[in-house]
Full PDB file with SEQRES, HELIX, SHEET, SSBOND, CRYST1, ORIGX, SCALE, CONECT and MASTER records, all heavy atoms in Angstrom:
SEQRES   1 A   42  VAL ALA ARG ALA ALA GLU ALA ALA ASP ARG PRO VAL ALA          
SEQRES   2 A   42  ILE SER PHE THR VAL GLU THR ASP GLY ARG LEU PRO THR          
SEQRES   3 A   42  GLY GLU ALA LEU ALA ASP ALA VAL ARG ALA VAL ASP ALA          
SEQRES   4 A   42  ALA THR ASP                                                  
HELIX    1 AA1 ALA A    2  ALA A    7  1                                   6    
HELIX    2 AA2 LEU A   30  THR A   41  1                                  12    
CRYST1    1.000    1.000    1.000  90.00  90.00  90.00 P 1           1          
ORIGX1      1.000000  0.000000  0.000000        0.00000                         
ORIGX2      0.000000  1.000000  0.000000        0.00000                         
ORIGX3      0.000000  0.000000  1.000000        0.00000                         
SCALE1      1.000000  0.000000  0.000000        0.00000                         
SCALE2      0.000000  1.000000  0.000000        0.00000                         
SCALE3      0.000000  0.000000  1.000000        0.00000                         
ATOM      1  N   VAL A   1      57.620 -24.878 -13.624  1.00  0.00           N  
ATOM      2  CA  VAL A   1      57.328 -26.256 -13.961  1.00  0.00           C  
ATOM      3  C   VAL A   1      56.456 -26.310 -15.184  1.00  0.00           C  
ATOM      4  O   VAL A   1      56.645 -27.140 -16.129  1.00  0.00           O  
ATOM      5  CB  VAL A   1      56.731 -27.069 -12.794  1.00  0.00           C  
ATOM      6  CG1 VAL A   1      56.495 -28.492 -13.291  1.00  0.00           C  
ATOM      7  CG2 VAL A   1      57.696 -27.066 -11.614  1.00  0.00           C  
ATOM      8  N   ALA A   2      55.465 -25.418 -15.269  1.00  0.00           N  
ATOM      9  CA  ALA A   2      54.568 -25.350 -16.431  1.00  0.00           C  
ATOM     10  C   ALA A   2      55.389 -25.110 -17.794  1.00  0.00           C  
ATOM     11  O   ALA A   2      55.205 -25.714 -18.756  1.00  0.00           O  
ATOM     12  CB  ALA A   2      53.468 -24.365 -16.244  1.00  0.00           C  
ATOM     13  N   ARG A   3      56.238 -24.150 -17.601  1.00  0.00           N  
ATOM     14  CA  ARG A   3      57.061 -23.808 -18.774  1.00  0.00           C  
ATOM     15  C   ARG A   3      58.042 -24.935 -19.084  1.00  0.00           C  
ATOM     16  O   ARG A   3      58.304 -25.162 -20.289  1.00  0.00           O  
ATOM     17  CB  ARG A   3      57.791 -22.493 -18.527  1.00  0.00           C  
ATOM     18  CG  ARG A   3      56.925 -21.233 -18.478  1.00  0.00           C  
ATOM     19  CD  ARG A   3      57.686 -19.985 -18.113  1.00  0.00           C  
ATOM     20  NE  ARG A   3      56.812 -18.813 -18.161  1.00  0.00           N  
ATOM     21  CZ  ARG A   3      57.122 -17.668 -17.713  1.00  0.00           C  
ATOM     22  NH1 ARG A   3      58.335 -17.447 -17.124  1.00  0.00           N  
ATOM     23  NH2 ARG A   3      56.324 -16.600 -17.792  1.00  0.00           N  
ATOM     24  N   ALA A   4      58.557 -25.606 -18.061  1.00  0.00           N  
ATOM     25  CA  ALA A   4      59.503 -26.680 -18.350  1.00  0.00           C  
ATOM     26  C   ALA A   4      58.780 -27.839 -19.019  1.00  0.00           C  
ATOM     27  O   ALA A   4      59.293 -28.499 -19.953  1.00  0.00           O  
ATOM     28  CB  ALA A   4      60.069 -27.135 -17.070  1.00  0.00           C  
ATOM     29  N   ALA A   5      57.507 -28.114 -18.619  1.00  0.00           N  
ATOM     30  CA  ALA A   5      56.724 -29.170 -19.258  1.00  0.00           C  
ATOM     31  C   ALA A   5      56.369 -28.783 -20.715  1.00  0.00           C  
ATOM     32  O   ALA A   5      56.432 -29.654 -21.585  1.00  0.00           O  
ATOM     33  CB  ALA A   5      55.394 -29.349 -18.455  1.00  0.00           C  
ATOM     34  N   GLU A   6      56.091 -27.506 -20.925  1.00  0.00           N  
ATOM     35  CA  GLU A   6      55.829 -27.044 -22.312  1.00  0.00           C  
ATOM     36  C   GLU A   6      57.095 -27.291 -23.157  1.00  0.00           C  
ATOM     37  O   GLU A   6      56.923 -27.698 -24.327  1.00  0.00           O  
ATOM     38  CB  GLU A   6      55.383 -25.617 -22.333  1.00  0.00           C  
ATOM     39  CG  GLU A   6      54.968 -25.136 -23.696  1.00  0.00           C  
ATOM     40  CD  GLU A   6      54.387 -23.787 -23.645  1.00  0.00           C  
ATOM     41  OE1 GLU A   6      54.615 -23.070 -22.674  1.00  0.00           O  
ATOM     42  OE2 GLU A   6      53.715 -23.377 -24.645  1.00  0.00           O  
ATOM     43  N   ALA A   7      58.229 -26.952 -22.632  1.00  0.00           N  
ATOM     44  CA  ALA A   7      59.454 -27.182 -23.432  1.00  0.00           C  
ATOM     45  C   ALA A   7      59.732 -28.563 -23.708  1.00  0.00           C  
ATOM     46  O   ALA A   7      60.346 -28.941 -24.734  1.00  0.00           O  
ATOM     47  CB  ALA A   7      60.685 -26.592 -22.562  1.00  0.00           C  
ATOM     48  N   ALA A   8      59.204 -29.445 -22.784  1.00  0.00           N  
ATOM     49  CA  ALA A   8      59.347 -30.960 -23.024  1.00  0.00           C  
ATOM     50  C   ALA A   8      58.205 -31.534 -23.801  1.00  0.00           C  
ATOM     51  O   ALA A   8      58.092 -32.733 -24.051  1.00  0.00           O  
ATOM     52  CB  ALA A   8      59.448 -31.652 -21.661  1.00  0.00           C  
ATOM     53  N   ASP A   9      57.274 -30.695 -24.317  1.00  0.00           N  
ATOM     54  CA  ASP A   9      56.134 -31.078 -25.085  1.00  0.00           C  
ATOM     55  C   ASP A   9      55.273 -32.026 -24.397  1.00  0.00           C  
ATOM     56  O   ASP A   9      54.775 -33.059 -24.944  1.00  0.00           O  
ATOM     57  CB  ASP A   9      56.715 -31.657 -26.432  1.00  0.00           C  
ATOM     58  CG  ASP A   9      55.541 -31.808 -27.457  1.00  0.00           C  
ATOM     59  OD1 ASP A   9      54.567 -31.007 -27.435  1.00  0.00           O  
ATOM     60  OD2 ASP A   9      55.578 -32.703 -28.348  1.00  0.00           O  
ATOM     61  N   ARG A  10      54.955 -31.741 -23.163  1.00  0.00           N  
ATOM     62  CA  ARG A  10      54.026 -32.555 -22.313  1.00  0.00           C  
ATOM     63  C   ARG A  10      52.991 -31.703 -21.651  1.00  0.00           C  
ATOM     64  O   ARG A  10      53.324 -30.581 -21.203  1.00  0.00           O  
ATOM     65  CB  ARG A  10      54.812 -33.409 -21.291  1.00  0.00           C  
ATOM     66  CG  ARG A  10      55.612 -34.501 -21.826  1.00  0.00           C  
ATOM     67  CD  ARG A  10      54.825 -35.590 -22.518  1.00  0.00           C  
ATOM     68  NE  ARG A  10      55.568 -36.688 -23.036  1.00  0.00           N  
ATOM     69  CZ  ARG A  10      56.160 -36.723 -24.215  1.00  0.00           C  
ATOM     70  NH1 ARG A  10      56.052 -35.688 -25.015  1.00  0.00           N  
ATOM     71  NH2 ARG A  10      56.850 -37.819 -24.584  1.00  0.00           N  
ATOM     72  N   PRO A  11      51.740 -32.207 -21.558  1.00  0.00           N  
ATOM     73  CA  PRO A  11      50.779 -31.502 -20.724  1.00  0.00           C  
ATOM     74  C   PRO A  11      51.193 -31.517 -19.251  1.00  0.00           C  
ATOM     75  O   PRO A  11      51.939 -32.389 -18.883  1.00  0.00           O  
ATOM     76  CB  PRO A  11      49.467 -32.244 -21.045  1.00  0.00           C  
ATOM     77  CG  PRO A  11      49.978 -33.612 -21.483  1.00  0.00           C  
ATOM     78  CD  PRO A  11      51.199 -33.460 -22.204  1.00  0.00           C  
ATOM     79  N   VAL A  12      50.691 -30.613 -18.540  1.00  0.00           N  
ATOM     80  CA  VAL A  12      51.071 -30.504 -17.102  1.00  0.00           C  
ATOM     81  C   VAL A  12      49.903 -30.233 -16.284  1.00  0.00           C  
ATOM     82  O   VAL A  12      48.998 -29.473 -16.697  1.00  0.00           O  
ATOM     83  CB  VAL A  12      52.188 -29.431 -16.944  1.00  0.00           C  
ATOM     84  CG1 VAL A  12      51.636 -28.050 -17.221  1.00  0.00           C  
ATOM     85  CG2 VAL A  12      52.767 -29.484 -15.547  1.00  0.00           C  
ATOM     86  N   ALA A  13      49.910 -30.862 -15.055  1.00  0.00           N  
ATOM     87  CA  ALA A  13      48.945 -30.500 -13.982  1.00  0.00           C  
ATOM     88  C   ALA A  13      49.748 -29.804 -12.864  1.00  0.00           C  
ATOM     89  O   ALA A  13      50.861 -30.268 -12.505  1.00  0.00           O  
ATOM     90  CB  ALA A  13      48.282 -31.752 -13.478  1.00  0.00           C  
ATOM     91  N   ILE A  14      49.171 -28.738 -12.400  1.00  0.00           N  
ATOM     92  CA  ILE A  14      49.910 -28.008 -11.300  1.00  0.00           C  
ATOM     93  C   ILE A  14      49.051 -28.146 -10.051  1.00  0.00           C  
ATOM     94  O   ILE A  14      47.871 -27.837  -9.949  1.00  0.00           O  
ATOM     95  CB  ILE A  14      49.925 -26.526 -11.621  1.00  0.00           C  
ATOM     96  CG1 ILE A  14      50.710 -26.250 -12.888  1.00  0.00           C  
ATOM     97  CG2 ILE A  14      50.525 -25.746 -10.427  1.00  0.00           C  
ATOM     98  CD1 ILE A  14      52.159 -26.661 -12.805  1.00  0.00           C  
ATOM     99  N   SER A  15      49.665 -28.750  -8.931  1.00  0.00           N  
ATOM    100  CA  SER A  15      48.974 -29.027  -7.794  1.00  0.00           C  
ATOM    101  C   SER A  15      49.645 -28.123  -6.587  1.00  0.00           C  
ATOM    102  O   SER A  15      50.808 -28.235  -6.355  1.00  0.00           O  
ATOM    103  CB  SER A  15      49.099 -30.520  -7.425  1.00  0.00           C  
ATOM    104  OG  SER A  15      48.300 -30.761  -6.245  1.00  0.00           O  
ATOM    105  N   PHE A  16      48.811 -27.347  -6.067  1.00  0.00           N  
ATOM    106  CA  PHE A  16      49.259 -26.404  -4.950  1.00  0.00           C  
ATOM    107  C   PHE A  16      48.959 -27.041  -3.636  1.00  0.00           C  
ATOM    108  O   PHE A  16      48.014 -27.777  -3.465  1.00  0.00           O  
ATOM    109  CB  PHE A  16      48.529 -25.022  -4.998  1.00  0.00           C  
ATOM    110  CG  PHE A  16      48.973 -24.131  -6.131  1.00  0.00           C  
ATOM    111  CD1 PHE A  16      48.124 -23.800  -7.149  1.00  0.00           C  
ATOM    112  CD2 PHE A  16      50.222 -23.593  -6.104  1.00  0.00           C  
ATOM    113  CE1 PHE A  16      48.546 -22.963  -8.204  1.00  0.00           C  
ATOM    114  CE2 PHE A  16      50.710 -22.791  -7.162  1.00  0.00           C  
ATOM    115  CZ  PHE A  16      49.797 -22.444  -8.144  1.00  0.00           C  
ATOM    116  N   THR A  17      49.929 -26.793  -2.682  1.00  0.00           N  
ATOM    117  CA  THR A  17      49.573 -27.105  -1.289  1.00  0.00           C  
ATOM    118  C   THR A  17      49.151 -25.789  -0.532  1.00  0.00           C  
ATOM    119  O   THR A  17      49.682 -24.746  -0.946  1.00  0.00           O  
ATOM    120  CB  THR A  17      50.826 -27.710  -0.563  1.00  0.00           C  
ATOM    121  OG1 THR A  17      50.543 -28.101   0.716  1.00  0.00           O  
ATOM    122  CG2 THR A  17      51.979 -26.727  -0.529  1.00  0.00           C  
ATOM    123  N   VAL A  18      48.285 -25.934   0.384  1.00  0.00           N  
ATOM    124  CA  VAL A  18      47.790 -24.753   1.125  1.00  0.00           C  
ATOM    125  C   VAL A  18      47.948 -25.037   2.621  1.00  0.00           C  
ATOM    126  O   VAL A  18      47.996 -26.186   3.058  1.00  0.00           O  
ATOM    127  CB  VAL A  18      46.371 -24.356   0.717  1.00  0.00           C  
ATOM    128  CG1 VAL A  18      46.236 -24.012  -0.723  1.00  0.00           C  
ATOM    129  CG2 VAL A  18      45.384 -25.594   1.111  1.00  0.00           C  
ATOM    130  N   GLU A  19      47.955 -23.949   3.309  1.00  0.00           N  
ATOM    131  CA  GLU A  19      47.963 -24.023   4.778  1.00  0.00           C  
ATOM    132  C   GLU A  19      46.544 -24.166   5.332  1.00  0.00           C  
ATOM    133  O   GLU A  19      45.566 -24.313   4.633  1.00  0.00           O  
ATOM    134  CB  GLU A  19      48.642 -22.780   5.306  1.00  0.00           C  
ATOM    135  CG  GLU A  19      50.071 -22.549   4.817  1.00  0.00           C  
ATOM    136  CD  GLU A  19      51.034 -23.609   5.380  1.00  0.00           C  
ATOM    137  OE1 GLU A  19      50.682 -24.296   6.319  1.00  0.00           O  
ATOM    138  OE2 GLU A  19      52.149 -23.718   4.794  1.00  0.00           O  
ATOM    139  N   THR A  20      46.397 -24.193   6.693  1.00  0.00           N  
ATOM    140  CA  THR A  20      45.054 -24.295   7.324  1.00  0.00           C  
ATOM    141  C   THR A  20      44.132 -23.308   6.922  1.00  0.00           C  
ATOM    142  O   THR A  20      42.881 -23.467   7.135  1.00  0.00           O  
ATOM    143  CB  THR A  20      45.213 -24.501   8.815  1.00  0.00           C  
ATOM    144  OG1 THR A  20      45.854 -23.352   9.369  1.00  0.00           O  
ATOM    145  CG2 THR A  20      46.026 -25.735   9.204  1.00  0.00           C  
ATOM    146  N   ASP A  21      44.589 -22.063   6.533  1.00  0.00           N  
ATOM    147  CA  ASP A  21      43.753 -21.007   6.166  1.00  0.00           C  
ATOM    148  C   ASP A  21      43.381 -21.003   4.598  1.00  0.00           C  
ATOM    149  O   ASP A  21      42.740 -20.125   4.138  1.00  0.00           O  
ATOM    150  CB  ASP A  21      44.347 -19.631   6.464  1.00  0.00           C  
ATOM    151  CG  ASP A  21      45.717 -19.428   5.725  1.00  0.00           C  
ATOM    152  OD1 ASP A  21      46.119 -20.277   4.941  1.00  0.00           O  
ATOM    153  OD2 ASP A  21      46.254 -18.265   5.951  1.00  0.00           O  
ATOM    154  N   GLY A  22      43.744 -22.047   3.932  1.00  0.00           N  
ATOM    155  CA  GLY A  22      43.422 -22.200   2.544  1.00  0.00           C  
ATOM    156  C   GLY A  22      44.313 -21.427   1.582  1.00  0.00           C  
ATOM    157  O   GLY A  22      44.094 -21.401   0.387  1.00  0.00           O  
ATOM    158  N   ARG A  23      45.416 -20.777   2.153  1.00  0.00           N  
ATOM    159  CA  ARG A  23      46.272 -19.943   1.304  1.00  0.00           C  
ATOM    160  C   ARG A  23      47.615 -20.768   1.053  1.00  0.00           C  
ATOM    161  O   ARG A  23      47.980 -21.541   1.948  1.00  0.00           O  
ATOM    162  CB  ARG A  23      46.596 -18.647   1.932  1.00  0.00           C  
ATOM    163  CG  ARG A  23      45.379 -17.667   1.928  1.00  0.00           C  
ATOM    164  CD  ARG A  23      45.681 -16.384   2.644  1.00  0.00           C  
ATOM    165  NE  ARG A  23      44.555 -15.467   2.482  1.00  0.00           N  
ATOM    166  CZ  ARG A  23      44.434 -14.571   1.517  1.00  0.00           C  
ATOM    167  NH1 ARG A  23      45.344 -14.456   0.601  1.00  0.00           N  
ATOM    168  NH2 ARG A  23      43.346 -13.785   1.366  1.00  0.00           N  
ATOM    169  N   LEU A  24      48.302 -20.373   0.016  1.00  0.00           N  
ATOM    170  CA  LEU A  24      49.572 -20.997  -0.193  1.00  0.00           C  
ATOM    171  C   LEU A  24      50.584 -20.588   0.940  1.00  0.00           C  
ATOM    172  O   LEU A  24      50.315 -19.576   1.649  1.00  0.00           O  
ATOM    173  CB  LEU A  24      50.162 -20.486  -1.548  1.00  0.00           C  
ATOM    174  CG  LEU A  24      49.855 -21.267  -2.761  1.00  0.00           C  
ATOM    175  CD1 LEU A  24      48.352 -21.222  -3.107  1.00  0.00           C  
ATOM    176  CD2 LEU A  24      50.567 -20.723  -3.993  1.00  0.00           C  
ATOM    177  N   PRO A  25      51.637 -21.344   1.140  1.00  0.00           N  
ATOM    178  CA  PRO A  25      52.576 -20.980   2.195  1.00  0.00           C  
ATOM    179  C   PRO A  25      53.172 -19.584   1.980  1.00  0.00           C  
ATOM    180  O   PRO A  25      53.530 -18.922   2.988  1.00  0.00           O  
ATOM    181  CB  PRO A  25      53.684 -22.035   2.090  1.00  0.00           C  
ATOM    182  CG  PRO A  25      52.971 -23.222   1.605  1.00  0.00           C  
ATOM    183  CD  PRO A  25      51.910 -22.677   0.677  1.00  0.00           C  
ATOM    184  N   THR A  26      53.108 -19.053   0.781  1.00  0.00           N  
ATOM    185  CA  THR A  26      53.594 -17.701   0.496  1.00  0.00           C  
ATOM    186  C   THR A  26      52.586 -16.704   0.659  1.00  0.00           C  
ATOM    187  O   THR A  26      52.760 -15.486   0.419  1.00  0.00           O  
ATOM    188  CB  THR A  26      54.199 -17.589  -0.906  1.00  0.00           C  
ATOM    189  OG1 THR A  26      53.409 -18.342  -1.829  1.00  0.00           O  
ATOM    190  CG2 THR A  26      55.668 -18.241  -0.900  1.00  0.00           C  
ATOM    191  N   GLY A  27      51.369 -17.045   1.013  1.00  0.00           N  
ATOM    192  CA  GLY A  27      50.313 -16.144   1.350  1.00  0.00           C  
ATOM    193  C   GLY A  27      49.211 -15.920   0.354  1.00  0.00           C  
ATOM    194  O   GLY A  27      48.131 -15.356   0.682  1.00  0.00           O  
ATOM    195  N   GLU A  28      49.373 -16.305  -0.867  1.00  0.00           N  
ATOM    196  CA  GLU A  28      48.385 -16.112  -1.898  1.00  0.00           C  
ATOM    197  C   GLU A  28      47.143 -16.954  -1.709  1.00  0.00           C  
ATOM    198  O   GLU A  28      47.289 -18.110  -1.262  1.00  0.00           O  
ATOM    199  CB  GLU A  28      48.960 -16.352  -3.296  1.00  0.00           C  
ATOM    200  CG  GLU A  28      50.119 -15.546  -3.805  1.00  0.00           C  
ATOM    201  CD  GLU A  28      51.398 -16.070  -3.489  1.00  0.00           C  
ATOM    202  OE1 GLU A  28      51.479 -17.058  -2.603  1.00  0.00           O  
ATOM    203  OE2 GLU A  28      52.389 -15.582  -3.958  1.00  0.00           O  
ATOM    204  N   ALA A  29      46.044 -16.394  -2.041  1.00  0.00           N  
ATOM    205  CA  ALA A  29      44.789 -17.177  -2.098  1.00  0.00           C  
ATOM    206  C   ALA A  29      44.888 -18.193  -3.216  1.00  0.00           C  
ATOM    207  O   ALA A  29      45.554 -17.881  -4.255  1.00  0.00           O  
ATOM    208  CB  ALA A  29      43.572 -16.269  -2.308  1.00  0.00           C  
ATOM    209  N   LEU A  30      44.235 -19.351  -3.082  1.00  0.00           N  
ATOM    210  CA  LEU A  30      44.306 -20.354  -4.161  1.00  0.00           C  
ATOM    211  C   LEU A  30      43.789 -19.787  -5.507  1.00  0.00           C  
ATOM    212  O   LEU A  30      44.379 -20.054  -6.512  1.00  0.00           O  
ATOM    213  CB  LEU A  30      43.545 -21.589  -3.690  1.00  0.00           C  
ATOM    214  CG  LEU A  30      43.537 -22.751  -4.609  1.00  0.00           C  
ATOM    215  CD1 LEU A  30      44.858 -23.321  -4.836  1.00  0.00           C  
ATOM    216  CD2 LEU A  30      42.555 -23.847  -4.047  1.00  0.00           C  
ATOM    217  N   ALA A  31      42.749 -18.997  -5.385  1.00  0.00           N  
ATOM    218  CA  ALA A  31      42.195 -18.479  -6.661  1.00  0.00           C  
ATOM    219  C   ALA A  31      43.203 -17.561  -7.351  1.00  0.00           C  
ATOM    220  O   ALA A  31      43.374 -17.634  -8.596  1.00  0.00           O  
ATOM    221  CB  ALA A  31      40.970 -17.568  -6.291  1.00  0.00           C  
ATOM    222  N   ASP A  32      43.920 -16.751  -6.602  1.00  0.00           N  
ATOM    223  CA  ASP A  32      44.931 -15.870  -7.147  1.00  0.00           C  
ATOM    224  C   ASP A  32      46.095 -16.630  -7.741  1.00  0.00           C  
ATOM    225  O   ASP A  32      46.632 -16.243  -8.758  1.00  0.00           O  
ATOM    226  CB  ASP A  32      45.417 -14.849  -6.111  1.00  0.00           C  
ATOM    227  CG  ASP A  32      44.272 -13.859  -5.678  1.00  0.00           C  
ATOM    228  OD1 ASP A  32      43.371 -13.631  -6.415  1.00  0.00           O  
ATOM    229  OD2 ASP A  32      44.491 -13.290  -4.554  1.00  0.00           O  
ATOM    230  N   ALA A  33      46.422 -17.715  -7.077  1.00  0.00           N  
ATOM    231  CA  ALA A  33      47.578 -18.533  -7.573  1.00  0.00           C  
ATOM    232  C   ALA A  33      47.165 -19.169  -8.942  1.00  0.00           C  
ATOM    233  O   ALA A  33      48.038 -19.172  -9.860  1.00  0.00           O  
ATOM    234  CB  ALA A  33      47.891 -19.581  -6.536  1.00  0.00           C  
ATOM    235  N   VAL A  34      46.051 -19.707  -9.010  1.00  0.00           N  
ATOM    236  CA  VAL A  34      45.534 -20.333 -10.273  1.00  0.00           C  
ATOM    237  C   VAL A  34      45.534 -19.295 -11.386  1.00  0.00           C  
ATOM    238  O   VAL A  34      46.067 -19.551 -12.487  1.00  0.00           O  
ATOM    239  CB  VAL A  34      44.249 -21.011 -10.130  1.00  0.00           C  
ATOM    240  CG1 VAL A  34      43.651 -21.431 -11.444  1.00  0.00           C  
ATOM    241  CG2 VAL A  34      44.303 -22.193  -9.211  1.00  0.00           C  
ATOM    242  N   ARG A  35      45.003 -18.124 -11.077  1.00  0.00           N  
ATOM    243  CA  ARG A  35      44.861 -17.055 -12.090  1.00  0.00           C  
ATOM    244  C   ARG A  35      46.286 -16.592 -12.498  1.00  0.00           C  
ATOM    245  O   ARG A  35      46.486 -16.336 -13.770  1.00  0.00           O  
ATOM    246  CB  ARG A  35      44.059 -15.951 -11.566  1.00  0.00           C  
ATOM    247  CG  ARG A  35      42.593 -16.281 -11.324  1.00  0.00           C  
ATOM    248  CD  ARG A  35      41.860 -15.009 -10.923  1.00  0.00           C  
ATOM    249  NE  ARG A  35      40.470 -15.257 -10.546  1.00  0.00           N  
ATOM    250  CZ  ARG A  35      39.989 -14.997  -9.297  1.00  0.00           C  
ATOM    251  NH1 ARG A  35      40.700 -14.518  -8.364  1.00  0.00           N  
ATOM    252  NH2 ARG A  35      38.671 -15.290  -9.084  1.00  0.00           N  
ATOM    253  N   ALA A  36      47.167 -16.507 -11.618  1.00  0.00           N  
ATOM    254  CA  ALA A  36      48.551 -15.971 -11.913  1.00  0.00           C  
ATOM    255  C   ALA A  36      49.303 -16.968 -12.831  1.00  0.00           C  
ATOM    256  O   ALA A  36      50.001 -16.548 -13.742  1.00  0.00           O  
ATOM    257  CB  ALA A  36      49.250 -15.735 -10.618  1.00  0.00           C  
ATOM    258  N   VAL A  37      49.173 -18.231 -12.526  1.00  0.00           N  
ATOM    259  CA  VAL A  37      49.865 -19.243 -13.346  1.00  0.00           C  
ATOM    260  C   VAL A  37      49.276 -19.235 -14.774  1.00  0.00           C  
ATOM    261  O   VAL A  37      49.970 -19.234 -15.734  1.00  0.00           O  
ATOM    262  CB  VAL A  37      49.847 -20.584 -12.737  1.00  0.00           C  
ATOM    263  CG1 VAL A  37      50.397 -21.629 -13.695  1.00  0.00           C  
ATOM    264  CG2 VAL A  37      50.595 -20.639 -11.485  1.00  0.00           C  
ATOM    265  N   ASP A  38      48.024 -19.132 -14.859  1.00  0.00           N  
ATOM    266  CA  ASP A  38      47.363 -19.111 -16.145  1.00  0.00           C  
ATOM    267  C   ASP A  38      47.714 -17.878 -16.962  1.00  0.00           C  
ATOM    268  O   ASP A  38      48.052 -17.927 -18.167  1.00  0.00           O  
ATOM    269  CB  ASP A  38      45.776 -19.169 -16.041  1.00  0.00           C  
ATOM    270  CG  ASP A  38      45.225 -20.619 -16.098  1.00  0.00           C  
ATOM    271  OD1 ASP A  38      45.987 -21.499 -16.474  1.00  0.00           O  
ATOM    272  OD2 ASP A  38      44.070 -20.801 -15.776  1.00  0.00           O  
ATOM    273  N   ALA A  39      47.831 -16.795 -16.272  1.00  0.00           N  
ATOM    274  CA  ALA A  39      48.221 -15.549 -16.924  1.00  0.00           C  
ATOM    275  C   ALA A  39      49.632 -15.557 -17.429  1.00  0.00           C  
ATOM    276  O   ALA A  39      49.893 -15.066 -18.573  1.00  0.00           O  
ATOM    277  CB  ALA A  39      47.972 -14.362 -15.989  1.00  0.00           C  
ATOM    278  N   ALA A  40      50.436 -16.148 -16.693  1.00  0.00           N  
ATOM    279  CA  ALA A  40      51.923 -16.185 -17.050  1.00  0.00           C  
ATOM    280  C   ALA A  40      52.212 -17.249 -18.126  1.00  0.00           C  
ATOM    281  O   ALA A  40      53.296 -17.190 -18.728  1.00  0.00           O  
ATOM    282  CB  ALA A  40      52.747 -16.434 -15.820  1.00  0.00           C  
ATOM    283  N   THR A  41      51.409 -18.237 -18.286  1.00  0.00           N  
ATOM    284  CA  THR A  41      51.677 -19.374 -19.191  1.00  0.00           C  
ATOM    285  C   THR A  41      50.637 -19.511 -20.339  1.00  0.00           C  
ATOM    286  O   THR A  41      50.669 -20.556 -21.023  1.00  0.00           O  
ATOM    287  CB  THR A  41      51.715 -20.644 -18.360  1.00  0.00           C  
ATOM    288  OG1 THR A  41      50.385 -20.903 -17.883  1.00  0.00           O  
ATOM    289  CG2 THR A  41      52.630 -20.647 -17.263  1.00  0.00           C  
ATOM    290  N   ASP A  42      49.822 -18.484 -20.475  1.00  0.00           N  
ATOM    291  CA  ASP A  42      48.807 -18.477 -21.532  1.00  0.00           C  
ATOM    292  C   ASP A  42      47.909 -19.767 -21.290  1.00  0.00           C  
ATOM    293  O   ASP A  42      47.561 -20.444 -22.301  1.00  0.00           O  
ATOM    294  CB  ASP A  42      49.413 -18.531 -22.932  1.00  0.00           C  
ATOM    295  CG  ASP A  42      48.363 -18.166 -23.986  1.00  0.00           C  
ATOM    296  OD1 ASP A  42      47.328 -17.559 -23.747  1.00  0.00           O  
ATOM    297  OD2 ASP A  42      48.618 -18.577 -25.163  1.00  0.00           O  
TER     298      ASP A  42                                                      
MASTER        0    0    0    2    0    0    0    6  297    1    0    4          
END                                                                             
C-alpha cells in the first residue's frame, strides 16, 4: 500500500492491527513491522 500510494503521488499512513499480545496476526512485533516497512520503502 505504501508503494501504491507513492505511485499515486500521495502521502500515506500505515495502520497495523495487533492481537492481544501486541503482535501482528502474522506474529511480528509492532516495532519490527514499523522498521520493516520503513526499510523497504525508504
